Amino acid sequence: GNKHLAIKLMNKARRKQEEKPVTPPAPTAEEKLLTEIRDLLSQQQPKL
């Protein structure tokens, strides 16, 4: 079923990550702050 497919996709994605162990650059403090602000704003907006 769908669950099996999801697990397969997750395993495939995990394998891809293991192939190239390049870690993405850690977000700067400013980026973290901007992300938090964006999340807060999106929470406050009424769902249309």
C-alpha atoms as a PDB file:
ATOM      1  CA  GLY A   1       0.000   0.000   0.000  1.00  0.00           C
ATOM      2  CA  ASN A   2       0.924   3.658   0.339  1.00  0.00           C
ATOM      3  CA  LYS A   3       2.794   3.034   3.579  1.00  0.00           C
ATOM      4  CA  HIS A   4       5.098   0.556   1.863  1.00  0.00           C
ATOM      5  CA  LEU A   5       5.772   3.045  -0.924  1.00  0.00           C
ATOM      6  CA  ALA A   6       6.572   5.812   1.556  1.00  0.00           C
ATOM      7  CA  ILE A   7       9.048   3.576   3.371  1.00  0.00           C
ATOM      8  CA  LYS A   8      10.681   2.679   0.053  1.00  0.00           C
ATOM      9  CA  LEU A   9      11.039   6.348  -0.858  1.00  0.00           C
ATOM     10  CA  MET A  10      12.468   7.187   2.562  1.00  0.00           C
ATOM     11  CA  ASN A  11      15.035   4.408   2.284  1.00  0.00           C
ATOM     12  CA  LYS A  12      16.012   5.587  -1.190  1.00  0.00           C
ATOM     13  CA  ALA A  13      16.407   9.173   0.014  1.00  0.00           C
ATOM     14  CA  ARG A  14      18.447   8.022   2.995  1.00  0.00           C
ATOM     15  CA  ARG A  15      20.742   6.026   0.722  1.00  0.00           C
ATOM     16  CA  LYS A  16      21.281   9.090  -1.466  1.00  0.00           C
ATOM     17  CA  GLN A  17      22.252  11.130   1.582  1.00  0.00           C
ATOM     18  CA  GLU A  18      24.749   8.472   2.638  1.00  0.00           C
ATOM     19  CA  GLU A  19      26.363   8.483  -0.811  1.00  0.00           C
ATOM     20  CA  LYS A  20      27.303  12.143  -0.579  1.00  0.00           C
ATOM     21  CA  PRO A  21      28.098  13.107   3.025  1.00  0.00           C
ATOM     22  CA  VAL A  22      28.320  16.791   2.185  1.00  0.00           C
ATOM     23  CA  THR A  23      26.663  18.605   5.053  1.00  0.00           C
ATOM     24  CA  PRO A  24      24.735  21.738   4.157  1.00  0.00           C
ATOM     25  CA  PRO A  25      26.127  24.896   5.767  1.00  0.00           C
ATOM     26  CA  ALA A  26      24.595  25.552   9.160  1.00  0.00           C
ATOM     27  CA  PRO A  27      22.057  28.377   9.111  1.00  0.00           C
ATOM     28  CA  THR A  28      23.339  31.624  10.547  1.00  0.00           C
ATOM     29  CA  ALA A  29      21.683  33.213  13.576  1.00  0.00           C
ATOM     30  CA  GLU A  30      20.038  35.721  11.247  1.00  0.00           C
ATOM     31  CA  GLU A  31      18.609  32.975   9.038  1.00  0.00           C
ATOM     32  CA  LYS A  32      17.217  31.178  12.079  1.00  0.00           C
ATOM     33  CA  LEU A  33      15.602  34.393  13.278  1.00  0.00           C
ATOM     34  CA  LEU A  34      14.058  35.097   9.880  1.00  0.00           C
ATOM     35  CA  THR A  35      12.695  31.562   9.717  1.00  0.00           C
ATOM     36  CA  GLU A  36      11.134  31.896  13.161  1.00  0.00           C
ATOM     37  CA  ILE A  37       9.556  35.233  12.241  1.00  0.00           C
ATOM     38  CA  ARG A  38       8.164  33.776   9.019  1.00  0.00           C
ATOM     39  CA  ASP A  39       6.699  30.814  10.888  1.00  0.00           C
ATOM     40  CA  LEU A  40       5.090  33.086  13.471  1.00  0.00           C
ATOM     41  CA  LEU A  41       3.588  35.293  10.772  1.00  0.00           C
ATOM     42  CA  SER A  42       2.191  32.326   8.863  1.00  0.00           C
ATOM     43  CA  GLN A  43       0.611  31.021  12.074  1.00  0.00           C
ATOM     44  CA  GLN A  44      -1.089  34.356  12.742  1.00  0.00           C
ATOM     45  CA  GLN A  45      -2.561  34.725   9.263  1.00  0.00           C
ATOM     46  CA  PRO A  46      -6.189  33.530   9.110  1.00  0.00           C
ATOM     47  CA  LYS A  47      -6.600  30.513   6.877  1.00  0.00           C
ATOM     48  CA  LEU A  48      -8.676  31.471   3.857  1.00  0.00           C
END
